[in-house]
N, C-alpha and C. Protein backbone atom coordinates (compact mmCIF):
# COMPACT_ATOMS: atom_id res chain seq x y z
N MET A 1 -15.79 -19.10 24.23
CA MET A 1 -14.92 -17.93 24.18
C MET A 1 -15.38 -16.96 25.26
N LYS A 2 -14.46 -16.44 26.04
CA LYS A 2 -14.79 -15.64 27.21
C LYS A 2 -15.56 -14.36 26.82
N ASN A 3 -15.17 -13.68 25.73
CA ASN A 3 -15.85 -12.46 25.37
C ASN A 3 -17.29 -12.71 24.96
N ILE A 4 -17.56 -13.76 24.22
CA ILE A 4 -18.90 -14.08 23.84
C ILE A 4 -19.74 -14.42 25.08
N GLU A 5 -19.14 -15.08 26.04
CA GLU A 5 -19.84 -15.42 27.28
C GLU A 5 -20.32 -14.14 27.99
N TYR A 6 -19.47 -13.12 28.03
CA TYR A 6 -19.82 -11.88 28.67
C TYR A 6 -21.06 -11.24 28.01
N PHE A 7 -21.04 -11.17 26.71
CA PHE A 7 -22.17 -10.53 26.01
C PHE A 7 -23.46 -11.37 26.09
N ASN A 8 -23.28 -12.67 26.18
CA ASN A 8 -24.46 -13.54 26.42
C ASN A 8 -25.05 -13.26 27.80
N TYR A 9 -24.18 -13.03 28.78
CA TYR A 9 -24.67 -12.66 30.10
C TYR A 9 -25.35 -11.31 30.08
N LEU A 10 -24.87 -10.40 29.25
CA LEU A 10 -25.54 -9.08 29.10
C LEU A 10 -26.93 -9.29 28.49
N ALA A 11 -27.07 -10.23 27.55
CA ALA A 11 -28.38 -10.50 26.96
C ALA A 11 -29.36 -11.04 28.03
N THR A 12 -28.83 -11.93 28.84
CA THR A 12 -29.67 -12.52 29.94
C THR A 12 -30.07 -11.43 30.94
N TYR A 13 -29.13 -10.59 31.30
CA TYR A 13 -29.41 -9.47 32.21
C TYR A 13 -30.55 -8.59 31.59
N SER A 14 -30.42 -8.28 30.33
CA SER A 14 -31.41 -7.37 29.66
C SER A 14 -32.80 -7.99 29.68
N ARG A 15 -32.91 -9.30 29.45
CA ARG A 15 -34.23 -9.94 29.47
C ARG A 15 -34.84 -9.85 30.87
N ILE A 16 -34.00 -10.07 31.89
CA ILE A 16 -34.52 -9.98 33.28
C ILE A 16 -34.95 -8.57 33.58
N LEU A 17 -34.16 -7.58 33.14
CA LEU A 17 -34.55 -6.18 33.39
C LEU A 17 -35.88 -5.86 32.67
N LEU A 18 -36.03 -6.28 31.44
CA LEU A 18 -37.28 -6.01 30.71
C LEU A 18 -38.48 -6.64 31.38
N ASP A 19 -38.26 -7.87 31.89
CA ASP A 19 -39.31 -8.54 32.66
C ASP A 19 -39.78 -7.76 33.84
N SER A 20 -38.87 -7.00 34.44
CA SER A 20 -39.15 -6.28 35.70
C SER A 20 -39.81 -4.94 35.48
N LEU A 21 -39.81 -4.40 34.23
CA LEU A 21 -40.32 -3.08 34.00
C LEU A 21 -41.82 -3.06 33.65
N PRO A 22 -42.49 -1.97 33.92
CA PRO A 22 -43.91 -1.90 33.64
C PRO A 22 -44.21 -1.64 32.18
N ILE A 23 -43.86 -2.65 31.33
CA ILE A 23 -44.11 -2.56 29.89
C ILE A 23 -45.48 -3.14 29.63
N GLU A 24 -46.37 -2.35 29.07
CA GLU A 24 -47.72 -2.81 28.76
C GLU A 24 -47.71 -3.72 27.52
N LYS A 25 -48.62 -4.66 27.53
CA LYS A 25 -48.69 -5.63 26.41
C LYS A 25 -49.35 -5.02 25.14
N THR A 26 -50.09 -3.92 25.33
CA THR A 26 -50.75 -3.26 24.21
C THR A 26 -50.15 -1.82 24.10
N PRO A 27 -50.14 -1.24 22.88
CA PRO A 27 -49.58 0.08 22.71
C PRO A 27 -50.28 1.11 23.57
N GLN A 28 -49.46 2.00 24.17
CA GLN A 28 -49.95 3.04 25.06
C GLN A 28 -49.68 4.43 24.49
N PRO A 29 -50.39 5.42 24.97
CA PRO A 29 -50.13 6.79 24.54
C PRO A 29 -48.71 7.24 24.86
N LEU A 30 -48.24 8.24 24.18
CA LEU A 30 -46.89 8.72 24.32
C LEU A 30 -46.54 9.06 25.78
N ASP A 31 -47.49 9.66 26.49
CA ASP A 31 -47.24 10.03 27.89
C ASP A 31 -46.85 8.83 28.76
N TYR A 32 -47.31 7.65 28.40
CA TYR A 32 -46.96 6.47 29.20
C TYR A 32 -45.49 6.13 29.04
N ALA A 33 -45.01 6.12 27.79
CA ALA A 33 -43.63 5.73 27.52
C ALA A 33 -42.65 6.78 28.01
N VAL A 34 -42.90 8.06 27.75
CA VAL A 34 -41.93 9.09 28.14
C VAL A 34 -42.18 9.61 29.58
N GLY A 35 -43.29 9.20 30.17
CA GLY A 35 -43.59 9.56 31.55
C GLY A 35 -43.31 8.39 32.47
N MET A 36 -44.25 7.53 32.63
CA MET A 36 -44.15 6.45 33.63
C MET A 36 -42.93 5.51 33.37
N LEU A 37 -42.85 5.01 32.13
CA LEU A 37 -41.78 4.04 31.83
C LEU A 37 -40.42 4.68 31.90
N TYR A 38 -40.25 5.82 31.33
CA TYR A 38 -38.97 6.52 31.31
C TYR A 38 -38.55 6.87 32.75
N GLU A 39 -39.49 7.31 33.56
CA GLU A 39 -39.17 7.66 34.95
C GLU A 39 -38.77 6.43 35.73
N GLU A 40 -39.39 5.29 35.42
CA GLU A 40 -39.09 4.07 36.16
C GLU A 40 -37.64 3.62 35.87
N VAL A 41 -37.24 3.70 34.59
CA VAL A 41 -35.86 3.27 34.26
C VAL A 41 -34.83 4.21 34.87
N LYS A 42 -35.15 5.50 34.92
CA LYS A 42 -34.23 6.46 35.56
C LYS A 42 -34.13 6.22 37.07
N LYS A 43 -35.28 5.90 37.67
CA LYS A 43 -35.28 5.65 39.13
C LYS A 43 -34.43 4.41 39.48
N ASN A 44 -34.44 3.40 38.62
CA ASN A 44 -33.70 2.15 38.91
C ASN A 44 -32.25 2.17 38.43
N LYS A 45 -31.83 3.25 37.84
CA LYS A 45 -30.54 3.29 37.14
C LYS A 45 -29.35 2.93 38.06
N GLU A 46 -29.28 3.50 39.22
CA GLU A 46 -28.11 3.26 40.09
C GLU A 46 -27.97 1.82 40.48
N LYS A 47 -29.05 1.17 40.91
CA LYS A 47 -28.95 -0.23 41.33
C LYS A 47 -28.65 -1.17 40.13
N GLU A 48 -29.21 -0.81 38.98
CA GLU A 48 -28.98 -1.65 37.79
C GLU A 48 -27.55 -1.52 37.30
N VAL A 49 -27.01 -0.36 37.37
CA VAL A 49 -25.59 -0.17 36.95
C VAL A 49 -24.67 -0.95 37.89
N GLU A 50 -25.02 -1.02 39.17
CA GLU A 50 -24.23 -1.81 40.11
C GLU A 50 -24.26 -3.31 39.71
N LYS A 51 -25.40 -3.76 39.32
CA LYS A 51 -25.53 -5.18 38.82
C LYS A 51 -24.62 -5.40 37.63
N LEU A 52 -24.61 -4.46 36.73
CA LEU A 52 -23.78 -4.60 35.52
C LEU A 52 -22.30 -4.57 35.83
N ILE A 53 -21.93 -3.76 36.80
CA ILE A 53 -20.52 -3.74 37.23
C ILE A 53 -20.12 -5.06 37.81
N GLY A 54 -20.99 -5.64 38.61
CA GLY A 54 -20.72 -6.97 39.18
C GLY A 54 -20.58 -8.04 38.10
N LEU A 55 -21.35 -7.90 37.03
CA LEU A 55 -21.31 -8.85 35.94
C LEU A 55 -19.97 -8.80 35.24
N TRP A 56 -19.45 -7.62 35.01
CA TRP A 56 -18.13 -7.50 34.39
C TRP A 56 -17.06 -8.13 35.25
N SER A 57 -17.09 -7.94 36.54
CA SER A 57 -16.03 -8.45 37.40
C SER A 57 -16.00 -9.99 37.39
N GLN A 58 -17.14 -10.57 37.10
CA GLN A 58 -17.21 -12.04 36.99
C GLN A 58 -16.70 -12.55 35.62
N LYS A 59 -16.96 -11.70 34.62
CA LYS A 59 -16.71 -12.12 33.22
C LYS A 59 -15.79 -11.13 32.50
N THR A 60 -14.74 -10.69 33.15
CA THR A 60 -13.84 -9.74 32.52
C THR A 60 -13.36 -10.27 31.16
N ILE A 61 -13.39 -9.36 30.16
CA ILE A 61 -13.13 -9.87 28.84
C ILE A 61 -11.71 -9.48 28.32
N ILE A 62 -11.35 -10.10 27.24
CA ILE A 62 -9.99 -10.00 26.71
C ILE A 62 -9.99 -9.02 25.55
N LYS A 63 -9.03 -8.10 25.58
CA LYS A 63 -8.90 -7.16 24.49
C LYS A 63 -8.41 -7.89 23.22
N GLN A 64 -9.08 -7.63 22.10
CA GLN A 64 -8.74 -8.26 20.85
C GLN A 64 -7.47 -7.60 20.24
N THR A 65 -6.79 -8.36 19.43
CA THR A 65 -5.62 -7.80 18.72
C THR A 65 -6.08 -6.74 17.74
N GLU A 66 -5.37 -5.62 17.72
CA GLU A 66 -5.74 -4.58 16.76
C GLU A 66 -5.63 -5.11 15.33
N ASN A 67 -6.57 -4.68 14.47
CA ASN A 67 -6.42 -5.05 13.06
C ASN A 67 -6.34 -3.78 12.23
N THR A 68 -5.82 -3.89 11.07
CA THR A 68 -5.60 -2.70 10.22
C THR A 68 -6.70 -2.59 9.17
N SER A 69 -7.59 -3.53 9.08
CA SER A 69 -8.70 -3.45 8.08
C SER A 69 -9.78 -2.54 8.61
N GLY A 70 -10.58 -2.01 7.69
CA GLY A 70 -11.68 -1.15 8.11
C GLY A 70 -12.74 -1.89 8.86
N ILE A 71 -13.36 -1.22 9.81
CA ILE A 71 -14.42 -1.85 10.60
C ILE A 71 -15.80 -1.29 10.29
N GLY A 72 -15.84 -0.27 9.44
CA GLY A 72 -17.14 0.29 9.07
C GLY A 72 -17.98 0.67 10.23
N LEU A 73 -19.21 0.13 10.24
CA LEU A 73 -20.15 0.47 11.32
C LEU A 73 -20.05 -0.54 12.51
N ASN A 74 -19.09 -1.45 12.45
CA ASN A 74 -18.97 -2.45 13.52
C ASN A 74 -18.18 -1.92 14.72
N THR A 75 -18.62 -0.82 15.23
CA THR A 75 -18.04 -0.24 16.44
C THR A 75 -18.84 -0.73 17.63
N ILE A 76 -18.26 -0.67 18.81
CA ILE A 76 -18.98 -1.05 20.02
C ILE A 76 -20.23 -0.23 20.18
N GLY A 77 -20.14 1.09 19.89
CA GLY A 77 -21.29 1.96 20.07
C GLY A 77 -22.47 1.53 19.19
N MET A 78 -22.18 1.37 17.93
CA MET A 78 -23.27 1.03 16.97
C MET A 78 -23.77 -0.42 17.16
N LEU A 79 -22.83 -1.32 17.48
CA LEU A 79 -23.25 -2.69 17.76
C LEU A 79 -24.08 -2.79 18.99
N THR A 80 -23.74 -2.01 20.04
CA THR A 80 -24.56 -2.01 21.23
C THR A 80 -25.96 -1.50 20.97
N ASP A 81 -26.07 -0.49 20.13
CA ASP A 81 -27.39 0.02 19.72
C ASP A 81 -28.22 -1.11 19.07
N ARG A 82 -27.62 -1.80 18.12
CA ARG A 82 -28.32 -2.87 17.45
C ARG A 82 -28.62 -4.02 18.37
N PHE A 83 -27.68 -4.35 19.21
CA PHE A 83 -27.84 -5.47 20.20
C PHE A 83 -29.05 -5.18 21.08
N THR A 84 -29.13 -3.99 21.63
CA THR A 84 -30.22 -3.71 22.56
C THR A 84 -31.59 -3.66 21.82
N ILE A 85 -31.61 -3.21 20.61
CA ILE A 85 -32.86 -3.17 19.84
C ILE A 85 -33.34 -4.60 19.56
N LEU A 86 -32.40 -5.49 19.20
CA LEU A 86 -32.76 -6.87 18.97
C LEU A 86 -33.31 -7.57 20.24
N LEU A 87 -32.69 -7.25 21.38
CA LEU A 87 -33.15 -7.81 22.66
C LEU A 87 -34.54 -7.33 22.99
N ILE A 88 -34.83 -6.07 22.72
CA ILE A 88 -36.16 -5.52 22.94
C ILE A 88 -37.19 -6.17 21.99
N LYS A 89 -36.80 -6.33 20.72
CA LYS A 89 -37.66 -6.98 19.78
C LYS A 89 -37.96 -8.41 20.21
N GLU A 90 -36.92 -9.13 20.64
CA GLU A 90 -37.11 -10.50 21.11
C GLU A 90 -38.08 -10.58 22.28
N TRP A 91 -37.91 -9.66 23.21
CA TRP A 91 -38.79 -9.61 24.38
C TRP A 91 -40.24 -9.39 23.96
N CYS A 92 -40.44 -8.48 23.01
CA CYS A 92 -41.79 -8.16 22.53
C CYS A 92 -42.40 -9.35 21.81
N LEU A 93 -41.61 -10.07 21.01
CA LEU A 93 -42.13 -11.26 20.32
C LEU A 93 -42.59 -12.30 21.37
N ARG A 94 -41.80 -12.45 22.43
CA ARG A 94 -42.09 -13.45 23.42
C ARG A 94 -43.26 -13.05 24.33
N ASN A 95 -43.34 -11.77 24.69
CA ASN A 95 -44.31 -11.35 25.69
C ASN A 95 -45.52 -10.62 25.13
N LYS A 96 -45.37 -9.95 24.01
CA LYS A 96 -46.53 -9.24 23.43
C LYS A 96 -47.22 -10.04 22.32
N SER A 97 -46.41 -10.70 21.53
CA SER A 97 -46.95 -11.46 20.41
C SER A 97 -47.18 -12.93 20.76
N ASN A 98 -46.71 -13.31 21.96
CA ASN A 98 -46.86 -14.72 22.41
C ASN A 98 -46.27 -15.68 21.36
N ASN A 99 -45.09 -15.32 20.90
CA ASN A 99 -44.43 -16.15 19.83
C ASN A 99 -43.02 -16.47 20.29
N PRO A 100 -42.83 -17.34 21.26
CA PRO A 100 -41.48 -17.68 21.74
C PRO A 100 -40.59 -18.32 20.63
N GLN A 101 -41.21 -19.05 19.73
CA GLN A 101 -40.42 -19.67 18.70
C GLN A 101 -39.76 -18.60 17.78
N LYS A 102 -40.52 -17.58 17.40
CA LYS A 102 -39.93 -16.51 16.58
C LYS A 102 -38.92 -15.73 17.36
N ALA A 103 -39.14 -15.56 18.69
CA ALA A 103 -38.17 -14.86 19.54
C ALA A 103 -36.84 -15.66 19.57
N ASP A 104 -36.93 -16.95 19.72
CA ASP A 104 -35.72 -17.78 19.74
C ASP A 104 -35.02 -17.74 18.40
N GLU A 105 -35.79 -17.73 17.31
CA GLU A 105 -35.20 -17.69 15.97
C GLU A 105 -34.48 -16.37 15.76
N LEU A 106 -35.05 -15.29 16.28
CA LEU A 106 -34.37 -13.99 16.15
C LEU A 106 -33.05 -14.02 16.88
N PHE A 107 -33.00 -14.56 18.09
CA PHE A 107 -31.77 -14.65 18.83
C PHE A 107 -30.73 -15.47 18.07
N GLU A 108 -31.13 -16.61 17.56
CA GLU A 108 -30.20 -17.52 16.87
C GLU A 108 -29.69 -16.91 15.56
N SER A 109 -30.59 -16.26 14.80
CA SER A 109 -30.22 -15.81 13.46
C SER A 109 -29.59 -14.44 13.43
N GLN A 110 -29.91 -13.56 14.40
CA GLN A 110 -29.40 -12.20 14.34
C GLN A 110 -28.62 -11.76 15.56
N THR A 111 -29.19 -11.98 16.76
CA THR A 111 -28.52 -11.50 17.95
C THR A 111 -27.19 -12.15 18.19
N LYS A 112 -27.10 -13.46 17.95
CA LYS A 112 -25.83 -14.16 18.12
C LYS A 112 -24.73 -13.61 17.22
N ASP A 113 -25.12 -13.18 16.04
CA ASP A 113 -24.16 -12.63 15.10
C ASP A 113 -23.65 -11.28 15.64
N ILE A 114 -24.54 -10.46 16.19
CA ILE A 114 -24.13 -9.18 16.79
C ILE A 114 -23.19 -9.45 17.99
N ILE A 115 -23.52 -10.44 18.81
CA ILE A 115 -22.70 -10.79 19.95
C ILE A 115 -21.31 -11.20 19.50
N ALA A 116 -21.19 -11.96 18.43
CA ALA A 116 -19.87 -12.33 17.92
C ALA A 116 -19.10 -11.11 17.46
N CYS A 117 -19.79 -10.16 16.83
CA CYS A 117 -19.10 -8.91 16.40
C CYS A 117 -18.66 -8.10 17.61
N LEU A 118 -19.51 -8.01 18.63
CA LEU A 118 -19.11 -7.31 19.85
C LEU A 118 -17.90 -7.95 20.50
N ALA A 119 -17.91 -9.26 20.55
CA ALA A 119 -16.83 -9.98 21.23
C ALA A 119 -15.49 -9.82 20.49
N ASN A 120 -15.54 -9.59 19.21
CA ASN A 120 -14.30 -9.46 18.43
C ASN A 120 -14.00 -8.04 17.96
N SER A 121 -14.66 -7.07 18.59
CA SER A 121 -14.54 -5.69 18.13
C SER A 121 -13.19 -5.09 18.50
N VAL A 122 -12.86 -4.04 17.74
CA VAL A 122 -11.66 -3.25 18.02
C VAL A 122 -12.11 -1.79 18.02
N PRO A 123 -11.30 -0.88 18.57
CA PRO A 123 -11.73 0.53 18.69
C PRO A 123 -12.12 1.12 17.35
N GLY A 124 -13.19 1.92 17.38
CA GLY A 124 -13.65 2.60 16.17
C GLY A 124 -14.13 3.97 16.50
N ASN A 125 -15.06 4.50 15.68
CA ASN A 125 -15.57 5.86 15.91
C ASN A 125 -17.04 5.90 15.68
N SER A 126 -17.80 5.86 16.83
CA SER A 126 -19.26 5.88 16.75
C SER A 126 -19.82 7.29 16.54
N ALA A 127 -18.95 8.31 16.57
CA ALA A 127 -19.42 9.65 16.33
C ALA A 127 -19.86 9.89 14.90
N ILE A 128 -19.60 8.89 14.03
CA ILE A 128 -20.02 9.01 12.64
C ILE A 128 -21.53 9.17 12.54
N ASN A 129 -22.25 8.71 13.59
CA ASN A 129 -23.71 8.73 13.56
C ASN A 129 -24.27 10.04 14.12
N SER A 130 -23.40 10.97 14.50
CA SER A 130 -23.86 12.21 15.11
C SER A 130 -24.64 13.06 14.11
N LYS A 131 -25.66 13.70 14.59
CA LYS A 131 -26.51 14.56 13.77
C LYS A 131 -26.00 16.01 13.84
N ILE A 132 -26.24 16.77 12.79
CA ILE A 132 -26.01 18.17 12.78
C ILE A 132 -27.30 18.82 13.31
N THR A 133 -27.24 19.38 14.51
CA THR A 133 -28.47 19.81 15.16
C THR A 133 -28.14 20.86 16.23
N ASN A 134 -29.13 21.63 16.57
CA ASN A 134 -28.98 22.58 17.70
C ASN A 134 -29.69 22.05 18.95
N ILE A 135 -30.18 20.84 18.88
CA ILE A 135 -30.84 20.22 20.05
C ILE A 135 -29.76 19.83 21.06
N LYS A 136 -29.94 20.24 22.29
CA LYS A 136 -28.96 19.93 23.36
C LYS A 136 -29.49 18.78 24.22
N THR A 137 -28.55 17.95 24.68
CA THR A 137 -28.94 16.89 25.61
C THR A 137 -27.90 16.86 26.72
N ASP A 138 -28.37 16.55 27.95
CA ASP A 138 -27.45 16.49 29.09
C ASP A 138 -27.08 15.03 29.43
N THR A 139 -27.25 14.16 28.41
CA THR A 139 -26.96 12.74 28.59
C THR A 139 -25.51 12.52 28.94
N LYS A 140 -25.27 11.76 30.04
CA LYS A 140 -23.94 11.47 30.50
C LYS A 140 -23.81 9.99 30.89
N ALA A 141 -22.62 9.50 30.88
CA ALA A 141 -22.34 8.12 31.37
C ALA A 141 -20.87 8.09 31.78
N SER A 142 -20.63 7.87 33.06
CA SER A 142 -19.25 7.87 33.52
C SER A 142 -18.60 6.47 33.43
N SER A 143 -19.34 5.48 33.00
CA SER A 143 -18.81 4.12 32.94
C SER A 143 -19.46 3.39 31.70
N TRP A 144 -18.83 2.29 31.32
CA TRP A 144 -19.41 1.46 30.28
C TRP A 144 -20.77 0.92 30.69
N GLU A 145 -20.89 0.53 31.94
CA GLU A 145 -22.16 -0.03 32.42
C GLU A 145 -23.29 0.99 32.41
N GLU A 146 -22.96 2.23 32.77
CA GLU A 146 -23.98 3.28 32.76
C GLU A 146 -24.40 3.58 31.30
N ALA A 147 -23.41 3.55 30.40
CA ALA A 147 -23.69 3.82 28.97
C ALA A 147 -24.56 2.65 28.39
N PHE A 148 -24.23 1.41 28.78
CA PHE A 148 -25.02 0.30 28.28
C PHE A 148 -26.47 0.38 28.79
N TYR A 149 -26.62 0.63 30.06
CA TYR A 149 -27.98 0.74 30.66
C TYR A 149 -28.74 1.88 29.97
N GLY A 150 -28.06 3.01 29.73
CA GLY A 150 -28.74 4.10 29.03
C GLY A 150 -29.16 3.75 27.63
N MET A 151 -28.30 3.02 26.90
CA MET A 151 -28.65 2.62 25.56
C MET A 151 -29.83 1.67 25.52
N LEU A 152 -29.81 0.68 26.40
CA LEU A 152 -30.90 -0.29 26.48
C LEU A 152 -32.23 0.38 26.78
N THR A 153 -32.19 1.29 27.76
CA THR A 153 -33.42 1.91 28.23
C THR A 153 -33.95 2.99 27.27
N ILE A 154 -33.04 3.78 26.66
CA ILE A 154 -33.57 4.79 25.71
C ILE A 154 -34.14 4.10 24.47
N ASN A 155 -33.54 2.99 24.02
CA ASN A 155 -34.10 2.26 22.91
C ASN A 155 -35.45 1.63 23.29
N LEU A 156 -35.58 1.20 24.51
CA LEU A 156 -36.88 0.69 24.97
C LEU A 156 -37.95 1.79 24.93
N VAL A 157 -37.64 2.94 25.46
CA VAL A 157 -38.65 4.05 25.49
C VAL A 157 -38.97 4.50 24.07
N LEU A 158 -37.96 4.56 23.19
CA LEU A 158 -38.22 4.91 21.79
C LEU A 158 -39.10 3.84 21.13
N TRP A 159 -38.80 2.60 21.38
CA TRP A 159 -39.59 1.47 20.80
C TRP A 159 -41.05 1.57 21.26
N GLU A 160 -41.25 1.75 22.57
CA GLU A 160 -42.61 1.79 23.11
C GLU A 160 -43.37 3.03 22.64
N SER A 161 -42.70 4.13 22.48
CA SER A 161 -43.37 5.37 22.08
C SER A 161 -43.71 5.34 20.58
N GLN A 162 -42.96 4.59 19.79
CA GLN A 162 -43.24 4.48 18.36
C GLN A 162 -44.31 3.45 18.04
N GLU A 163 -44.48 2.49 18.94
CA GLU A 163 -45.37 1.36 18.67
C GLU A 163 -46.77 1.82 18.32
N VAL A 164 -47.28 2.83 19.06
CA VAL A 164 -48.66 3.26 18.84
C VAL A 164 -48.86 3.83 17.44
N LEU A 165 -47.78 4.38 16.85
CA LEU A 165 -47.91 4.97 15.54
C LEU A 165 -48.16 3.92 14.44
N TYR A 166 -47.78 2.69 14.73
CA TYR A 166 -47.99 1.62 13.75
C TYR A 166 -49.42 1.11 13.70
N ILE A 167 -50.21 1.49 14.71
CA ILE A 167 -51.59 1.03 14.70
C ILE A 167 -52.60 2.20 14.56
N LYS A 168 -52.03 3.43 14.42
CA LYS A 168 -52.85 4.60 14.23
C LYS A 168 -52.60 5.19 12.86
N ASP A 169 -53.58 5.89 12.33
CA ASP A 169 -53.39 6.70 11.11
C ASP A 169 -52.90 8.04 11.61
N ILE A 170 -51.58 8.33 11.42
CA ILE A 170 -51.04 9.53 12.05
C ILE A 170 -51.63 10.80 11.42
N SER A 171 -52.22 10.68 10.22
CA SER A 171 -52.88 11.85 9.62
C SER A 171 -54.08 12.27 10.40
N LEU A 172 -54.60 11.36 11.27
CA LEU A 172 -55.80 11.66 12.02
C LEU A 172 -55.47 12.12 13.44
N LEU A 173 -54.16 12.15 13.79
CA LEU A 173 -53.79 12.58 15.14
C LEU A 173 -54.01 14.10 15.31
N PRO A 174 -54.44 14.53 16.45
CA PRO A 174 -54.57 15.95 16.70
C PRO A 174 -53.21 16.61 16.59
N PRO A 175 -53.13 17.85 16.02
CA PRO A 175 -51.84 18.54 15.82
C PRO A 175 -50.96 18.56 17.07
N GLU A 176 -51.56 18.78 18.22
CA GLU A 176 -50.79 18.87 19.47
C GLU A 176 -50.13 17.54 19.78
N GLU A 177 -50.85 16.43 19.59
CA GLU A 177 -50.30 15.13 19.87
C GLU A 177 -49.19 14.81 18.88
N LEU A 178 -49.37 15.17 17.64
CA LEU A 178 -48.35 14.92 16.58
C LEU A 178 -47.11 15.74 16.91
N ARG A 179 -47.25 16.96 17.31
CA ARG A 179 -46.06 17.76 17.74
C ARG A 179 -45.34 17.13 18.91
N GLY A 180 -46.12 16.54 19.82
CA GLY A 180 -45.52 15.84 20.93
C GLY A 180 -44.60 14.71 20.50
N TYR A 181 -45.09 13.93 19.55
CA TYR A 181 -44.24 12.81 19.02
C TYR A 181 -42.97 13.33 18.39
N ILE A 182 -43.14 14.34 17.52
CA ILE A 182 -41.97 14.90 16.81
C ILE A 182 -40.94 15.45 17.78
N HIS A 183 -41.43 16.15 18.79
CA HIS A 183 -40.51 16.72 19.81
C HIS A 183 -39.76 15.58 20.51
N TRP A 184 -40.48 14.55 20.95
CA TRP A 184 -39.86 13.46 21.70
C TRP A 184 -38.85 12.70 20.89
N PHE A 185 -39.22 12.36 19.65
CA PHE A 185 -38.33 11.54 18.81
C PHE A 185 -37.02 12.30 18.51
N ALA A 186 -37.14 13.62 18.29
CA ALA A 186 -35.92 14.40 18.06
C ALA A 186 -34.99 14.36 19.27
N HIS A 187 -35.56 14.52 20.47
CA HIS A 187 -34.74 14.53 21.70
C HIS A 187 -34.28 13.10 22.06
N GLY A 188 -35.21 12.16 21.93
CA GLY A 188 -34.87 10.76 22.24
C GLY A 188 -33.78 10.21 21.37
N ASN A 189 -33.82 10.54 20.05
CA ASN A 189 -32.81 10.07 19.16
C ASN A 189 -31.47 10.77 19.36
N MET A 190 -31.51 12.02 19.81
CA MET A 190 -30.27 12.70 20.15
C MET A 190 -29.59 12.02 21.36
N GLU A 191 -30.41 11.64 22.35
CA GLU A 191 -29.88 10.93 23.52
C GLU A 191 -29.27 9.59 23.09
N ARG A 192 -29.99 8.89 22.23
CA ARG A 192 -29.49 7.63 21.69
C ARG A 192 -28.13 7.79 20.98
N ASN A 193 -27.98 8.84 20.17
CA ASN A 193 -26.76 9.08 19.43
C ASN A 193 -25.59 9.35 20.36
N VAL A 194 -25.87 10.16 21.39
CA VAL A 194 -24.85 10.46 22.40
C VAL A 194 -24.42 9.19 23.11
N LEU A 195 -25.37 8.35 23.42
CA LEU A 195 -25.06 7.08 24.13
C LEU A 195 -24.26 6.10 23.27
N MET A 196 -24.48 6.13 21.96
CA MET A 196 -23.65 5.30 21.04
C MET A 196 -22.19 5.67 21.21
N GLU A 197 -21.95 6.98 21.19
CA GLU A 197 -20.56 7.43 21.31
C GLU A 197 -20.01 7.15 22.70
N LEU A 198 -20.81 7.32 23.73
CA LEU A 198 -20.39 7.04 25.08
C LEU A 198 -20.11 5.54 25.31
N CYS A 199 -20.93 4.68 24.69
CA CYS A 199 -20.61 3.25 24.78
C CYS A 199 -19.25 2.96 24.24
N GLU A 200 -18.97 3.53 23.09
CA GLU A 200 -17.66 3.33 22.43
C GLU A 200 -16.52 3.79 23.34
N ILE A 201 -16.63 5.01 23.85
CA ILE A 201 -15.59 5.61 24.66
C ILE A 201 -15.37 4.82 25.99
N ARG A 202 -16.44 4.61 26.69
CA ARG A 202 -16.37 4.03 28.04
C ARG A 202 -15.96 2.54 27.98
N TYR A 203 -16.39 1.80 26.92
CA TYR A 203 -15.99 0.41 26.83
C TYR A 203 -14.49 0.29 26.70
N TRP A 204 -13.90 1.08 25.82
CA TRP A 204 -12.46 0.93 25.59
C TRP A 204 -11.66 1.53 26.74
N GLU A 205 -12.21 2.51 27.44
CA GLU A 205 -11.56 2.98 28.63
C GLU A 205 -11.47 1.87 29.65
N LYS A 206 -12.55 1.10 29.78
CA LYS A 206 -12.60 0.03 30.77
C LYS A 206 -11.64 -1.09 30.38
N ILE A 207 -11.64 -1.42 29.08
CA ILE A 207 -10.73 -2.47 28.61
C ILE A 207 -9.29 -2.11 28.85
N ASN A 208 -8.94 -0.86 28.57
CA ASN A 208 -7.56 -0.40 28.69
C ASN A 208 -7.07 -0.23 30.11
N LYS A 209 -8.01 -0.20 31.04
CA LYS A 209 -7.64 -0.09 32.51
C LYS A 209 -7.41 -1.47 33.14
N GLN A 210 -7.73 -2.55 32.42
CA GLN A 210 -7.64 -3.88 33.01
C GLN A 210 -6.15 -4.21 33.30
């Protein structure tokens, strides 16, 4: 099916991108994730978005027939969020845990299911996940490809910055360091929420322009 093929190519692209980034095999301090790693993904954004645009032109997908049944959380925005998190988890299993078998099992048992949902999706409303907050973010995406790249990379930085908390006793963290984590997660998750909505909007804009 052509739509599934496109999202499979997106999965392959994501693995190649993750391979190219300076992701450490062991948990690093917060400054590494939100400094060096985050800056690297922002620096590469323009050229990576161009790659994604080229991928769409090769694998243009077909708009699904509208359905009248509820779609719940199966919107492009929320599915893209889950899709990218699973791809990051798969990469970590393969490269950090040295467990390619478990990585393959994750793709077969979970990621393929998300891909099928993406391939058969219809327009929905990802703004349901919006938070009530006074935190402002200047996150923007003028295309589906830019929104996808943003979603993949913000989830990567969030994943990497959270990893250290799983091996530390956070009650022993210095207050200043703990405040740093709280500040970052609030802003990082706001960026992620905005990108969920942008993925939804930009994807269907692109489909409708075909």
